[in-house]
Amino acid sequence: MTVSISESQLRCDFKKLLLEAVDAALSLLGDSSKQAIYFYLEQNFTLKKQDIPNKIEEFTRAIEEIFGHGAKILEIEIIKHLYVKVGSDFEYFPEKDDLLFVEYIDAARMHALRK
């Protein structure tokens, strides 16, 4: 018996993995800080936790506004956690030397959909 996984199921799975990666990265700041950040995102950027995977560009702008240059450290932590979740066979080679968080997330999403 062959089980076929739909593209929408794969998208759902990736969203879950991305949220887990965001949650794990924010947890490094401590649980109360993580909860405060989610609250701040919702109150000041109208960005609910569950909407982050669908609004990754808005999330990126929000954390860059909140943390300034320190947002890059958080983005790298999210990427590290996502890399483990997506699979070690995932590789990303940016066209530029700069790491662009949104591009990395898009590449990871495409990889997860092809698996």
Protein backbone atom coordinates (compact mmCIF):
# COMPACT_ATOMS: atom_id res chain seq x y z
CA MET A 1 0.00 0.00 0.00
CA THR A 2 1.41 3.37 -1.03
CA VAL A 3 0.68 6.41 1.05
CA SER A 4 0.66 9.70 -0.79
CA ILE A 5 1.30 12.87 1.14
CA SER A 6 -0.34 15.92 -0.36
CA GLU A 7 1.50 19.16 -0.97
CA SER A 8 -0.81 20.92 1.50
CA GLN A 9 0.16 18.37 4.17
CA LEU A 10 3.84 19.00 3.42
CA ARG A 11 3.26 22.74 3.69
CA CYS A 12 1.52 22.21 7.05
CA ASP A 13 4.43 20.09 8.23
CA PHE A 14 6.95 22.73 7.19
CA LYS A 15 4.98 25.47 8.98
CA LYS A 16 5.04 23.34 12.11
CA LEU A 17 8.81 22.78 11.78
CA LEU A 18 9.39 26.49 11.25
CA LEU A 19 7.31 27.41 14.31
CA GLU A 20 9.22 24.86 16.37
CA ALA A 21 12.51 26.37 15.18
CA VAL A 22 11.37 29.91 16.02
CA ASP A 23 10.16 28.74 19.42
CA ALA A 24 13.43 26.92 20.16
CA ALA A 25 15.51 29.96 19.17
CA LEU A 26 13.41 32.32 21.29
CA SER A 27 13.61 29.86 24.19
CA LEU A 28 17.34 30.60 24.36
CA LEU A 29 16.33 34.00 25.74
CA GLY A 30 14.34 32.37 28.54
CA ASP A 31 10.70 31.37 28.72
CA SER A 32 9.38 34.65 30.09
CA SER A 33 11.32 36.62 27.47
CA LYS A 34 9.99 34.34 24.74
CA GLN A 35 6.41 34.88 25.90
CA ALA A 36 7.01 38.65 26.11
CA ILE A 37 8.33 38.69 22.53
CA TYR A 38 5.29 36.79 21.23
CA PHE A 39 3.03 39.20 23.11
CA TYR A 40 4.93 42.21 21.73
CA LEU A 41 4.74 40.82 18.18
CA GLU A 42 0.99 40.40 18.49
CA GLN A 43 0.32 43.77 20.16
CA ASN A 44 2.66 45.97 18.14
CA PHE A 45 2.96 44.18 14.82
CA THR A 46 -0.40 42.32 14.73
CA LEU A 47 1.61 39.16 14.18
CA LYS A 48 0.33 36.10 16.01
CA LYS A 49 2.69 33.21 16.69
CA GLN A 50 0.75 30.82 14.46
CA ASP A 51 0.92 33.33 11.56
CA ILE A 52 4.73 33.57 11.52
CA PRO A 53 5.26 30.90 8.81
CA ASN A 54 2.83 32.70 6.49
CA LYS A 55 4.28 36.12 7.26
CA ILE A 56 7.99 35.44 7.48
CA GLU A 57 8.94 38.80 5.93
CA GLU A 58 6.80 40.67 8.50
CA PHE A 59 8.32 38.55 11.27
CA THR A 60 11.82 39.35 10.02
CA ARG A 61 11.11 43.09 9.92
CA ALA A 62 9.57 42.94 13.40
CA ILE A 63 12.48 41.16 15.05
CA GLU A 64 14.93 43.46 13.27
CA GLU A 65 13.02 46.44 14.65
CA ILE A 66 12.96 44.92 18.14
CA PHE A 67 16.56 43.65 18.29
CA GLY A 68 18.37 45.80 15.74
CA HIS A 69 21.61 44.15 14.59
CA GLY A 70 21.09 41.49 17.28
CA ALA A 71 18.25 40.07 15.17
CA LYS A 72 20.86 38.37 12.98
CA ILE A 73 21.91 36.22 15.95
CA LEU A 74 18.30 35.17 16.48
CA GLU A 75 17.85 34.50 12.75
CA ILE A 76 20.95 32.29 12.76
CA GLU A 77 19.60 30.34 15.73
CA ILE A 78 16.28 29.83 13.93
CA ILE A 79 18.19 28.64 10.85
CA LYS A 80 20.25 26.19 12.94
CA HIS A 81 17.12 24.68 14.50
CA LEU A 82 15.32 24.55 11.16
CA TYR A 83 18.30 22.87 9.49
CA VAL A 84 18.16 20.03 12.02
CA LYS A 85 14.40 19.66 11.53
CA VAL A 86 14.42 19.80 7.71
CA GLY A 87 17.23 17.28 7.38
CA SER A 88 20.96 17.24 7.02
CA ASP A 89 20.72 16.70 3.27
CA PHE A 90 19.50 20.29 2.88
CA GLU A 91 22.06 22.70 1.44
CA TYR A 92 21.68 26.39 0.76
CA PHE A 93 24.07 28.36 -1.42
CA PRO A 94 23.11 32.03 -1.49
CA GLU A 95 23.85 34.00 -4.60
CA LYS A 96 25.32 36.77 -2.47
CA ASP A 97 27.72 36.57 0.46
CA ASP A 98 25.04 38.00 2.75
CA LEU A 99 22.82 35.57 4.58
CA LEU A 100 19.25 36.55 3.85
CA PHE A 101 16.96 34.96 6.39
CA VAL A 102 13.83 35.07 4.23
CA GLU A 103 15.65 33.46 1.28
CA TYR A 104 16.96 30.70 3.53
CA ILE A 105 13.46 29.98 4.84
CA ASP A 106 12.12 29.86 1.28
CA ALA A 107 14.90 27.46 0.22
CA ALA A 108 14.23 25.23 3.24
CA ARG A 109 10.50 25.24 2.44
CA MET A 110 11.18 24.18 -1.17
CA HIS A 111 13.51 21.43 0.03
CA ALA A 112 10.89 20.12 2.46
CA LEU A 113 8.28 20.05 -0.29
CA ARG A 114 10.58 18.03 -2.59
CA LYS A 115 11.37 15.35 -0.01
